[in-house]
Amino acid sequence: MYTNFQYQQPAEALQLIQSGNRVFVHGSAQTPTFMLEHLAKQADRLRDVELVFISIFGPVHVDKPGMESSFRINSLFVSESIRKDVAEGKADYVPVFLSEIPELFKRNVLPLDVAIIQVSPPDKHGYCSMGISVDVARSAVNTAKKVIAQVNPNVPRTHGDGLIHTTRFDAMVYCEDPLYEASFGSRVSEDEMKIGQHVADLIEDRSTLQMGIGAIPDAVLKCLHQHKDLGIHTEMLSDGVIDLYDKDVITNKYKAIHPNKIVSGFALGSRRLYDYIDDNPGFVFLDIDYVNDPHVIRRNPKVVAINSAIEVDLTGQICSDSIGTMQFSGVGGQMDFLRGAALSEGGKPIIALPSRTNKGVGRIVPFLKPGAGVVATRAHAHYIVTEYGVAYLYGKNLRQRAKALIQIAHPDDREMLEKACFERFKIF
């Protein structure tokens, strides 16, 4: 048993953070909320501490009123926890491809003074695991001047790039908080299941899948039980893979890289998923600058990238990160995989979305809302899927694209879209 380490109290460990520092915070299910809560208690001694992270869960603590001069959030993705702060100008957002975030650290564009991460307890050799969120955290640890580890027995031990020896840590703090969980499959609607089936019909046996976040990717997974020999190379995993893996639908046998293994950057789901992944050699969690590199992705045959969007205009421009000027999420890895799938032999880049929002607002639109962000250009759009079918845009001109998209729009929106199409392209 390796015992050459000692735990510290949070207040002592956080003395490593000084005014003017840039601090990376581990994200997703492994957000170290315990340490953020204690960091907020040190607001009086700190000034101009910049916090950078991707998606984080739970209360941020350091964004409370009166702490503006002590802490500033400069996020690389806008998750629910900070959406209001960004909208009110209390936090900032950096648009960047997920695959390129490690380069921000490595090239000293955003040099890190301190990284706060959450890890499993040390094994008999002194190695801790970053568990189910390796993604950009691996590069953050590699480049940060100092590392504070929140050590938690609830963190699964995973295979891949997430192992870190205790000698790399400048401070270790023990806690037993549960990891954050998320449920997507339980919220799948009838329309989302129709979308899932349309997408599943596009997927061939022996394909390699990437699934984005949310109910639609989980709906797709529910429709794949008759498929054979699927593989997974994705930035994110959720519960939907478990049953397919157990039933030998997902075998990873025909992947060109990392055959026989599921490759991911992070996982987000239920405790069942986390326990399933724990010490499971069939899963490897790797640095996101590798997982999301389009040149790596394309090496697998038949890559099917399944992502969603907020709205798509009649030419195929895809907005996935904002509602008009309101920043809703981030660029993330959608473009990484759309491009990688397009370059893969037999690959299919797919954007799947309901034809309308829950409030009845159309998602296939004549023009994107003013201020909306174009995450994927019209040149990157291949397959657009709604509950009404599939529009294949690759190689089609603007007029042909408009016609194809109108056919999969909500029936009550089609007359309006036809008029817009005539005004713009003089056809219908």
Protein backbone atom coordinates (compact mmCIF):
# COMPACT_ATOMS: atom_id res chain seq x y z
CA MET A 1 0.00 0.00 0.00
CA TYR A 2 1.37 3.40 -1.03
CA THR A 3 1.24 5.81 1.93
CA ASN A 4 3.74 8.51 1.02
CA PHE A 5 1.20 11.34 0.97
CA GLN A 6 -0.88 13.35 3.39
CA TYR A 7 -4.17 15.19 3.24
CA GLN A 8 -4.60 18.85 4.11
CA GLN A 9 -7.53 20.96 5.17
CA PRO A 10 -9.18 22.94 2.33
CA ALA A 11 -8.20 26.33 3.74
CA GLU A 12 -4.55 25.29 3.89
CA ALA A 13 -4.51 23.78 0.40
CA LEU A 14 -6.12 26.85 -1.13
CA GLN A 15 -3.32 29.07 0.16
CA LEU A 16 -1.56 27.97 -3.04
CA ILE A 17 -3.90 30.32 -4.93
CA GLN A 18 -2.78 33.95 -4.93
CA SER A 19 -4.27 37.17 -6.25
CA GLY A 20 -3.92 37.51 -10.00
CA ASN A 21 -3.72 33.75 -10.58
CA ARG A 22 -5.49 31.89 -13.37
CA VAL A 23 -7.07 28.73 -11.95
CA PHE A 24 -8.40 25.74 -13.90
CA VAL A 25 -11.41 23.96 -12.38
CA HIS A 26 -12.24 20.34 -13.23
CA GLY A 27 -15.69 19.97 -14.79
CA SER A 28 -18.73 17.89 -15.68
CA ALA A 29 -19.61 15.14 -13.18
CA GLN A 30 -16.35 15.76 -11.35
CA THR A 31 -16.80 19.44 -10.57
CA PRO A 32 -14.97 19.94 -7.24
CA THR A 33 -17.79 21.85 -5.56
CA PHE A 34 -16.35 21.16 -2.11
CA MET A 35 -13.20 23.11 -2.99
CA LEU A 36 -15.11 25.89 -4.77
CA GLU A 37 -17.19 26.41 -1.63
CA HIS A 38 -14.03 26.78 0.47
CA LEU A 39 -12.40 29.00 -2.16
CA ALA A 40 -15.34 31.39 -1.88
CA LYS A 41 -14.59 31.70 1.85
CA GLN A 42 -11.19 33.18 0.96
CA ALA A 43 -12.62 35.99 -1.15
CA ASP A 44 -11.43 38.65 1.34
CA ARG A 45 -7.74 37.83 0.79
CA LEU A 46 -7.90 37.39 -3.00
CA ARG A 47 -8.20 39.81 -5.91
CA ASP A 48 -8.50 39.21 -9.66
CA VAL A 49 -8.43 35.43 -9.58
CA GLU A 50 -9.53 34.14 -13.00
CA LEU A 51 -11.32 30.78 -13.12
CA VAL A 52 -11.33 28.81 -16.38
CA PHE A 53 -13.24 25.60 -17.08
CA ILE A 54 -15.57 23.91 -19.53
CA SER A 55 -18.93 22.58 -18.32
CA ILE A 56 -19.36 22.63 -14.55
CA PHE A 57 -22.23 21.41 -12.40
CA GLY A 58 -23.77 22.57 -9.16
CA PRO A 59 -23.36 25.86 -7.29
CA VAL A 60 -20.35 27.89 -8.37
CA HIS A 61 -20.06 29.68 -5.00
CA VAL A 62 -17.41 32.14 -6.23
CA ASP A 63 -20.00 34.06 -8.28
CA LYS A 64 -21.93 35.38 -5.29
CA PRO A 65 -22.68 39.13 -5.04
CA GLY A 66 -19.78 41.05 -3.54
CA MET A 67 -17.10 38.70 -4.90
CA GLU A 68 -16.69 40.44 -8.26
CA SER A 69 -13.31 41.95 -7.38
CA SER A 70 -12.04 38.62 -6.01
CA PHE A 71 -13.07 36.17 -8.75
CA ARG A 72 -13.78 36.36 -12.46
CA ILE A 73 -15.12 33.47 -14.53
CA ASN A 74 -13.67 33.09 -18.02
CA SER A 75 -15.40 29.95 -19.25
CA LEU A 76 -14.61 27.84 -22.30
CA PHE A 77 -18.20 26.55 -22.40
CA VAL A 78 -21.45 27.94 -20.99
CA SER A 79 -23.24 25.40 -18.83
CA GLU A 80 -26.40 25.95 -16.83
CA SER A 81 -24.45 26.82 -13.68
CA ILE A 82 -23.05 30.02 -15.22
CA ARG A 83 -25.56 30.82 -18.00
CA LYS A 84 -27.17 33.60 -15.97
CA ASP A 85 -23.78 35.05 -15.00
CA VAL A 86 -22.72 35.25 -18.64
CA ALA A 87 -26.03 36.81 -19.68
CA GLU A 88 -25.66 39.48 -16.98
CA GLY A 89 -22.03 40.24 -17.85
CA LYS A 90 -20.70 38.78 -14.60
CA ALA A 91 -18.77 36.06 -16.46
CA ASP A 92 -17.07 35.74 -19.83
CA TYR A 93 -17.09 33.10 -22.55
CA VAL A 94 -14.28 32.05 -24.91
CA PRO A 95 -15.47 30.51 -28.22
CA VAL A 96 -13.10 27.63 -29.04
CA PHE A 97 -13.22 24.13 -30.46
CA LEU A 98 -13.05 21.55 -27.69
CA SER A 99 -10.10 19.88 -29.43
CA GLU A 100 -8.10 23.13 -29.25
CA ILE A 101 -8.62 23.97 -25.57
CA PRO A 102 -5.49 22.04 -24.52
CA GLU A 103 -3.52 24.21 -26.94
CA LEU A 104 -4.62 27.31 -25.04
CA PHE A 105 -2.81 25.88 -22.02
CA LYS A 106 0.19 24.43 -23.84
CA ARG A 107 0.92 27.55 -25.91
CA ASN A 108 0.49 29.85 -22.89
CA VAL A 109 -2.43 31.65 -24.48
CA LEU A 110 -4.15 30.91 -21.16
CA PRO A 111 -1.23 29.87 -18.91
CA LEU A 112 -2.42 28.17 -15.73
CA ASP A 113 -1.09 28.96 -12.29
CA VAL A 114 -3.18 26.39 -10.44
CA ALA A 115 -5.44 23.46 -11.38
CA ILE A 116 -8.12 22.16 -9.00
CA ILE A 117 -9.14 18.62 -9.94
CA GLN A 118 -11.10 15.76 -8.39
CA VAL A 119 -9.52 12.30 -8.40
CA SER A 120 -9.83 8.79 -7.00
CA PRO A 121 -7.76 7.78 -3.96
CA PRO A 122 -4.20 6.63 -4.69
CA ASP A 123 -3.65 3.01 -5.67
CA LYS A 124 -0.85 0.85 -4.25
CA HIS A 125 1.62 2.59 -6.58
CA GLY A 126 0.51 6.11 -5.64
CA TYR A 127 -1.52 6.80 -8.79
CA CYS A 128 -4.86 8.59 -8.70
CA SER A 129 -7.37 8.62 -11.56
CA MET A 130 -9.18 11.62 -13.03
CA GLY A 131 -12.05 9.22 -13.47
CA ILE A 132 -14.79 10.10 -15.93
CA SER A 133 -13.55 13.56 -16.91
CA VAL A 134 -10.12 13.39 -18.56
CA ASP A 135 -11.00 15.68 -21.53
CA VAL A 136 -9.14 19.00 -21.09
CA ALA A 137 -8.18 18.30 -17.47
CA ARG A 138 -5.22 16.15 -18.56
CA SER A 139 -3.55 19.08 -20.31
CA ALA A 140 -4.47 21.42 -17.46
CA VAL A 141 -2.61 19.21 -14.99
CA ASN A 142 0.34 18.85 -17.35
CA THR A 143 0.78 22.61 -17.72
CA ALA A 144 -0.37 24.13 -14.41
CA LYS A 145 2.37 25.34 -12.06
CA LYS A 146 0.54 23.91 -9.05
CA VAL A 147 -2.15 21.23 -8.70
CA ILE A 148 -4.68 20.82 -5.90
CA ALA A 149 -6.41 17.42 -5.79
CA GLN A 150 -9.82 16.85 -4.23
CA VAL A 151 -9.55 13.12 -3.45
CA ASN A 152 -12.87 11.30 -3.44
CA PRO A 153 -13.57 7.53 -3.18
CA ASN A 154 -16.70 8.07 -5.31
CA VAL A 155 -14.54 8.83 -8.36
CA PRO A 156 -14.31 5.77 -10.66
CA ARG A 157 -10.89 4.53 -11.59
CA THR A 158 -10.62 4.64 -15.38
CA HIS A 159 -8.11 3.44 -17.95
CA GLY A 160 -6.33 5.76 -20.37
CA ASP A 161 -4.74 9.19 -19.92
CA GLY A 162 -6.22 10.07 -16.55
CA LEU A 163 -3.67 8.55 -14.17
CA ILE A 164 -1.65 11.00 -12.05
CA HIS A 165 0.90 10.19 -9.39
CA THR A 166 0.48 11.86 -5.99
CA THR A 167 3.92 13.44 -6.35
CA ARG A 168 2.40 15.70 -9.02
CA PHE A 169 0.04 17.21 -6.45
CA ASP A 170 1.01 20.22 -4.38
CA ALA A 171 -1.92 19.64 -2.04
CA MET A 172 -4.48 16.87 -1.46
CA VAL A 173 -7.86 17.35 0.26
CA TYR A 174 -10.18 14.47 1.12
CA CYS A 175 -13.95 14.51 0.66
CA GLU A 176 -16.73 12.01 -0.01
CA ASP A 177 -19.24 14.07 -2.00
CA PRO A 178 -21.35 12.17 -4.55
CA LEU A 179 -20.51 12.86 -8.18
CA TYR A 180 -22.97 14.85 -10.23
CA GLU A 181 -25.43 12.80 -12.26
CA ALA A 182 -27.61 13.55 -15.28
CA SER A 183 -30.51 11.71 -16.88
CA PHE A 184 -31.24 12.04 -20.59
CA GLY A 185 -33.07 8.85 -21.57
CA SER A 186 -35.91 9.37 -19.08
CA ARG A 187 -36.89 12.61 -20.84
CA VAL A 188 -37.09 11.24 -24.39
CA SER A 189 -40.31 12.39 -26.09
CA GLU A 190 -42.28 10.69 -28.87
CA ASP A 191 -40.87 13.12 -31.45
CA GLU A 192 -37.34 12.52 -30.19
CA MET A 193 -37.86 8.78 -30.58
CA LYS A 194 -38.97 9.37 -34.18
CA ILE A 195 -35.78 11.34 -34.74
CA GLY A 196 -33.80 8.55 -33.12
CA GLN A 197 -35.28 6.02 -35.51
CA HIS A 198 -34.55 8.19 -38.57
CA VAL A 199 -30.93 8.50 -37.44
CA ALA A 200 -30.67 4.80 -36.63
CA ASP A 201 -31.83 4.04 -40.18
CA LEU A 202 -28.79 5.95 -41.46
CA ILE A 203 -26.36 3.92 -39.36
CA GLU A 204 -24.82 0.86 -40.97
CA ASP A 205 -23.43 -2.15 -39.14
CA ARG A 206 -19.74 -1.75 -38.19
CA SER A 207 -20.09 2.04 -37.92
CA THR A 208 -18.16 4.04 -35.32
CA LEU A 209 -20.41 6.38 -33.37
CA GLN A 210 -20.03 9.75 -31.72
CA MET A 211 -22.97 11.02 -29.70
CA GLY A 212 -23.46 14.53 -28.43
CA ILE A 213 -25.24 15.38 -25.20
CA GLY A 214 -28.98 15.21 -24.56
CA ALA A 215 -32.14 13.22 -25.19
CA ILE A 216 -31.76 12.75 -28.96
CA PRO A 217 -28.44 10.84 -28.82
CA ASP A 218 -29.98 8.62 -26.15
CA ALA A 219 -33.04 8.12 -28.36
CA VAL A 220 -30.72 7.00 -31.17
CA LEU A 221 -29.04 4.47 -28.90
CA LYS A 222 -32.45 3.05 -27.96
CA CYS A 223 -33.07 2.33 -31.66
CA LEU A 224 -29.85 0.43 -32.34
CA HIS A 225 -30.54 -2.93 -30.70
CA GLN A 226 -30.77 -4.74 -34.05
CA HIS A 227 -27.44 -3.39 -35.29
CA LYS A 228 -24.20 -5.35 -35.27
CA ASP A 229 -20.57 -4.66 -34.41
CA LEU A 230 -20.84 -0.94 -33.70
CA GLY A 231 -17.88 0.99 -32.30
CA ILE A 232 -17.64 4.08 -30.11
CA HIS A 233 -15.20 6.96 -30.44
CA THR A 234 -16.83 9.97 -28.82
CA GLU A 235 -16.10 12.99 -26.68
CA MET A 236 -18.89 12.08 -24.25
CA LEU A 237 -20.57 8.90 -22.96
CA SER A 238 -23.96 8.44 -21.31
CA ASP A 239 -26.04 5.54 -19.97
CA GLY A 240 -27.36 4.54 -23.39
CA VAL A 241 -24.19 2.61 -24.22
CA ILE A 242 -24.53 0.14 -21.34
CA ASP A 243 -27.29 -2.09 -22.71
CA LEU A 244 -25.80 -2.05 -26.22
CA TYR A 245 -22.42 -3.03 -24.80
CA ASP A 246 -23.90 -5.82 -22.70
CA LYS A 247 -25.84 -7.18 -25.69
CA ASP A 248 -22.73 -7.18 -27.88
CA VAL A 249 -24.21 -4.62 -30.27
CA ILE A 250 -21.21 -2.44 -29.44
CA THR A 251 -18.13 -4.61 -30.00
CA ASN A 252 -15.59 -2.09 -31.37
CA LYS A 253 -14.14 -4.93 -33.47
CA TYR A 254 -14.01 -3.00 -36.73
CA LYS A 255 -12.49 0.26 -35.55
CA ALA A 256 -9.17 1.12 -37.16
CA ILE A 257 -7.81 2.79 -34.02
CA HIS A 258 -8.31 1.46 -30.48
CA PRO A 259 -10.17 -1.64 -31.67
CA ASN A 260 -12.06 -3.57 -28.99
CA LYS A 261 -12.32 -0.48 -26.77
CA ILE A 262 -14.77 2.39 -26.27
CA VAL A 263 -12.91 5.70 -26.51
CA SER A 264 -14.20 8.85 -24.83
CA GLY A 265 -13.08 12.11 -23.25
CA PHE A 266 -15.65 12.20 -20.45
CA ALA A 267 -18.84 10.54 -19.22
CA LEU A 268 -22.02 12.03 -17.81
CA GLY A 269 -24.97 10.00 -16.61
CA SER A 270 -26.14 7.96 -13.64
CA ARG A 271 -24.22 6.31 -10.85
CA ARG A 272 -24.94 3.05 -12.68
CA LEU A 273 -22.83 4.33 -15.59
CA TYR A 274 -20.00 5.43 -13.30
CA ASP A 275 -19.93 2.06 -11.54
CA TYR A 276 -20.03 0.26 -14.89
CA ILE A 277 -17.01 2.21 -16.12
CA ASP A 278 -15.05 1.78 -12.88
CA ASP A 279 -11.88 -0.24 -13.62
CA ASN A 280 -13.46 -1.51 -16.86
CA PRO A 281 -10.67 -2.10 -19.39
CA GLY A 282 -13.19 -1.93 -22.24
CA PHE A 283 -13.35 1.86 -21.75
CA VAL A 284 -10.46 4.27 -22.23
CA PHE A 285 -10.65 7.98 -21.41
CA LEU A 286 -8.14 10.03 -23.36
CA ASP A 287 -6.93 13.61 -23.73
CA ILE A 288 -9.47 15.58 -25.74
CA ASP A 289 -6.87 17.00 -28.13
CA TYR A 290 -6.50 13.41 -29.36
CA VAL A 291 -10.10 12.18 -29.07
CA ASN A 292 -11.52 15.19 -30.93
CA ASP A 293 -8.77 15.63 -33.51
CA PRO A 294 -10.55 15.33 -36.91
CA HIS A 295 -7.42 13.67 -38.34
CA VAL A 296 -7.72 10.97 -35.67
CA ILE A 297 -11.50 10.65 -36.00
CA ARG A 298 -11.36 10.13 -39.76
CA ARG A 299 -9.06 7.09 -39.39
CA ASN A 300 -12.02 5.00 -38.27
CA PRO A 301 -14.33 3.81 -41.06
CA LYS A 302 -18.02 4.75 -41.20
CA VAL A 303 -17.84 7.41 -38.49
CA VAL A 304 -21.36 8.63 -37.70
CA ALA A 305 -21.36 11.90 -35.75
CA ILE A 306 -24.72 12.61 -34.10
CA ASN A 307 -25.19 16.11 -32.73
CA SER A 308 -28.03 18.56 -32.20
CA ALA A 309 -28.66 22.24 -32.79
CA ILE A 310 -30.80 25.15 -31.68
CA GLU A 311 -31.81 26.17 -35.21
CA VAL A 312 -30.87 25.62 -38.85
CA ASP A 313 -31.50 28.13 -41.63
CA LEU A 314 -32.68 27.32 -45.14
CA THR A 315 -29.13 27.25 -46.49
CA GLY A 316 -27.88 24.79 -43.84
CA GLN A 317 -26.17 27.16 -41.42
CA ILE A 318 -26.21 25.51 -37.99
CA CYS A 319 -26.55 27.44 -34.73
CA SER A 320 -25.84 25.22 -31.74
CA ASP A 321 -24.56 27.52 -29.00
CA SER A 322 -26.82 30.57 -28.68
CA ILE A 323 -30.40 31.76 -28.83
CA GLY A 324 -29.90 35.00 -30.68
CA THR A 325 -27.37 36.92 -28.61
CA MET A 326 -27.95 34.84 -25.47
CA GLN A 327 -25.09 32.42 -25.00
CA PHE A 328 -26.66 29.06 -24.21
CA SER A 329 -23.75 26.63 -24.42
CA GLY A 330 -20.54 26.68 -26.46
CA VAL A 331 -18.81 25.58 -29.63
CA GLY A 332 -17.73 22.35 -27.94
CA GLY A 333 -16.75 19.40 -30.09
CA GLN A 334 -19.52 19.43 -32.67
CA MET A 335 -17.36 20.79 -35.47
CA ASP A 336 -14.50 18.43 -34.59
CA PHE A 337 -16.71 15.42 -35.21
CA LEU A 338 -18.73 16.81 -38.10
CA ARG A 339 -15.49 17.31 -39.97
CA GLY A 340 -13.96 14.03 -38.84
CA ALA A 341 -17.06 12.08 -39.91
CA ALA A 342 -17.19 13.85 -43.27
CA LEU A 343 -13.59 12.82 -43.96
CA SER A 344 -14.06 9.23 -42.74
CA GLU A 345 -14.56 6.57 -45.40
CA GLY A 346 -18.33 6.03 -45.46
CA GLY A 347 -18.80 8.58 -42.67
CA LYS A 348 -21.98 10.54 -41.98
CA PRO A 349 -22.10 13.88 -40.13
CA ILE A 350 -25.64 14.27 -38.74
CA ILE A 351 -27.43 17.17 -37.07
CA ALA A 352 -30.66 16.00 -35.42
CA LEU A 353 -33.20 18.35 -33.86
CA PRO A 354 -36.96 18.59 -33.25
CA SER A 355 -38.77 20.70 -35.84
CA ARG A 356 -40.05 22.99 -33.08
CA THR A 357 -39.11 23.96 -29.54
CA ASN A 358 -41.29 23.00 -26.57
CA LYS A 359 -42.89 26.44 -26.91
CA GLY A 360 -43.82 25.86 -30.54
CA VAL A 361 -41.07 27.97 -32.12
CA GLY A 362 -39.75 26.59 -35.41
CA ARG A 363 -36.17 25.38 -35.55
CA ILE A 364 -35.94 25.27 -39.35
CA VAL A 365 -35.91 28.99 -40.09
CA PRO A 366 -35.47 31.38 -43.05
CA PHE A 367 -32.67 33.20 -41.22
CA LEU A 368 -30.85 32.59 -37.96
CA LYS A 369 -31.82 34.96 -35.17
CA PRO A 370 -29.82 38.21 -35.04
CA GLY A 371 -26.66 37.55 -33.07
CA ALA A 372 -26.92 33.76 -33.35
CA GLY A 373 -23.62 31.93 -33.57
CA VAL A 374 -22.85 29.78 -36.60
CA VAL A 375 -21.13 26.78 -35.04
CA ALA A 376 -21.15 24.75 -38.28
CA THR A 377 -21.20 26.43 -41.67
CA ARG A 378 -23.49 25.48 -44.54
CA ALA A 379 -20.49 23.78 -46.15
CA HIS A 380 -20.22 21.39 -43.19
CA ALA A 381 -23.90 20.38 -43.21
CA HIS A 382 -24.58 16.93 -44.67
CA TYR A 383 -27.57 15.31 -42.94
CA ILE A 384 -30.25 17.31 -41.10
CA VAL A 385 -32.85 15.17 -39.31
CA THR A 386 -36.17 16.06 -37.65
CA GLU A 387 -39.12 13.91 -36.66
CA TYR A 388 -40.42 14.47 -40.21
CA GLY A 389 -37.48 12.89 -41.98
CA VAL A 390 -33.97 13.41 -43.34
CA ALA A 391 -32.65 16.25 -45.51
CA TYR A 392 -29.40 15.38 -47.30
CA LEU A 393 -27.65 18.65 -48.15
CA TYR A 394 -24.20 17.55 -49.31
CA GLY A 395 -23.58 18.65 -52.89
CA LYS A 396 -26.89 20.51 -53.12
CA ASN A 397 -27.15 24.15 -54.13
CA LEU A 398 -28.92 26.75 -52.00
CA ARG A 399 -32.29 26.30 -53.70
CA GLN A 400 -32.15 22.53 -53.42
CA ARG A 401 -31.17 22.78 -49.77
CA ALA A 402 -34.08 25.08 -49.00
CA LYS A 403 -36.54 22.66 -50.59
CA ALA A 404 -35.11 19.68 -48.73
CA LEU A 405 -35.19 21.47 -45.37
CA ILE A 406 -38.77 22.69 -45.84
CA GLN A 407 -39.87 19.08 -46.33
CA ILE A 408 -38.63 18.16 -42.83
CA ALA A 409 -39.84 21.34 -41.11
CA HIS A 410 -42.97 21.34 -38.97
CA PRO A 411 -46.04 21.26 -41.28
CA ASP A 412 -47.39 24.48 -39.75
CA ASP A 413 -44.13 26.27 -40.60
CA ARG A 414 -43.85 25.16 -44.20
CA GLU A 415 -46.03 27.83 -45.82
CA MET A 416 -44.01 30.58 -44.15
CA LEU A 417 -40.76 28.91 -45.20
CA GLU A 418 -41.99 28.50 -48.78
CA LYS A 419 -42.74 32.23 -48.97
CA ALA A 420 -39.30 33.03 -47.56
CA CYS A 421 -37.75 30.64 -50.06
CA PHE A 422 -39.55 32.35 -52.95
CA GLU A 423 -38.52 35.83 -51.78
CA ARG A 424 -34.89 34.79 -51.48
CA PHE A 425 -34.41 32.29 -54.32
CA LYS A 426 -37.40 33.09 -56.58
CA ILE A 427 -38.48 29.47 -56.55
CA PHE A 428 -40.64 26.90 -54.89
